[in-house]
Amino acid sequence: MSSATHHPTSSGMERDARRMHDDDKPLSPGSIAIGVVIGRTSEFFDFFVYGLGSILVFPKLIFPFASSAVAATLMSFALFPLAFIARPIGSFVFMWIDRNYGRGTKLTAALVILGGSTASIAFLPGYDTIGYWAVALLALFRLGQGFALGGAWDGLASLLNLSAPENKRGWYAMIPQLGAPFGFALASILFGYFVTNLSEADFLAWGWRYPFFVAFAINVVALFARLRIVASKEFGAAMQAQELQARPIFEMLSKHSMDVVLGAFVPLASFAMFHLVTIFPLSWVTLTGGQSAAQFLWVQVAGAALGAVGIVLSGFIADRIGRRNELMLGAVLIAIFSFSAPFLLDAGRSGQDAYILIGFFILGLTFGQSSGAVSSRFTQQYRYTGAALTSDLAWLLGAGFAPLVALGLASTFGIIFIGGYLISGAICTIAALTLTRTTHNP
């Protein structure tokens, strides 16, 4: 492949982005960072809009036939992992597109499918209108989200890392992770606004659809921001040096299969906690009557802000004590938090608010370096493919089933069992970091 800037099969949107931004100036790390954050924010926004909808909307709209509100939410959460199951398949397909038609074509197709799948949910009729077809269509759109997200892996975080000074790798590694709290805060603000200002009937009739509409517009903005970087000379040079080339997955596995397995467990503590401070608490609070969804959504926005602070701090800490030590510290903090988490959630409004604020801050400290830990395990030639597949598996194992498992355990055996779920993730991370200590130094 010659260069990303002159790929013969680059997409029309990539060429438009190149013409709009081609000023012959070098692409600075700051410009790369902005493009990365915008891209990650759009991806997380799509997924969090769906996640919040799976609590506030789908149990009543799609699963009104369930025997109870808890059963309806569990049914809704049963569709939640479909995106994480489809994501590795999307990575496989879109890497083939990348190798044969270029990164711009791959990104354009992936983000159109991602935004289209999310926006399509906005037009979804309820069960009362089309019966079980509503369930089938929701499952299809959820699969589309995950399939597309597998193709949205663009290598820009790796390019940002390549641009980082040796003593600031932790700082640069945390920048893409800011997309998670930004995307969650934006989704929560939108839902919070409509839940607060509309009656329940109006919200379920039409208000909930607006956040899903917004997703497509955000993805278009993110696509242009990312294509500008993909069309840059710096990206082309990295491609020529094979830093960001997509290699066949089975070829990569023949060289790095153990790195994929261990790499998938390294961020498991933060990924296990990810949906236990974003999605699960809202379901538990609304089902048990701890406080209203409108109140709790604004608390979660404040939590997202603290999560962003934690992510930024993770960069400083990692650059001083090393990424592995920072991740080990985060896993220990999650293990400690797991003992108090069930009691906080069961302690009324003040305890629930404390759970969110403390949990988000700890999540930020651990999540901030999880992406860098995954990508650093692979040799130059296989870094792009290896990091993509490892990230897919880590999300599937750590986060995909978390809302379903947590609510199932809490509603069946008691809230105390979510502490066990959290500590199991921390143990996996500590064990994986210990096993990799002598083979790599991320």
Foldseek 3Di string as FASTA:
>chain_A
DQFLQPFPQADPLLVVLCVVPVPVDAQDLVLLLVLLLLLLLLLLLLLLLLLQCLQLAQLVFAVVVDPDSLRSSLLSLVLQLLLLVLQLVLLQVLLVCCVVRNLNVLQVVLLQLQLVLLLVLLVQGGCVVVNNVSVVSVSVSSSSNSSSVSSNQRCSLVLSLVNDDPLQSLQSLLSSVLSNLSSLLVSLVQVLVLVVPDDSVVCNVRSSSVSSNVSSVSSVVSSSSNSNVSNGRSVGVLVVVLQARRDNLVVQCVPQVVLLVLLLLQLQLLLQLVCVLRRQLLNVCCVVVLDDSSVVSVLLNVLSVLLSVLLNVLSVVCSPPNLLVQLLVLLVVLLVVLQCLLVLSVPGDVSSSVSNNVSSNSSSSNSNCSLVSQQQSDDSNNSNVRSSSSVSSSNSVRHSSNNSVQSVCCVPPRNSCSSVSSNVSSVSNVVSSVVCVVPGGD
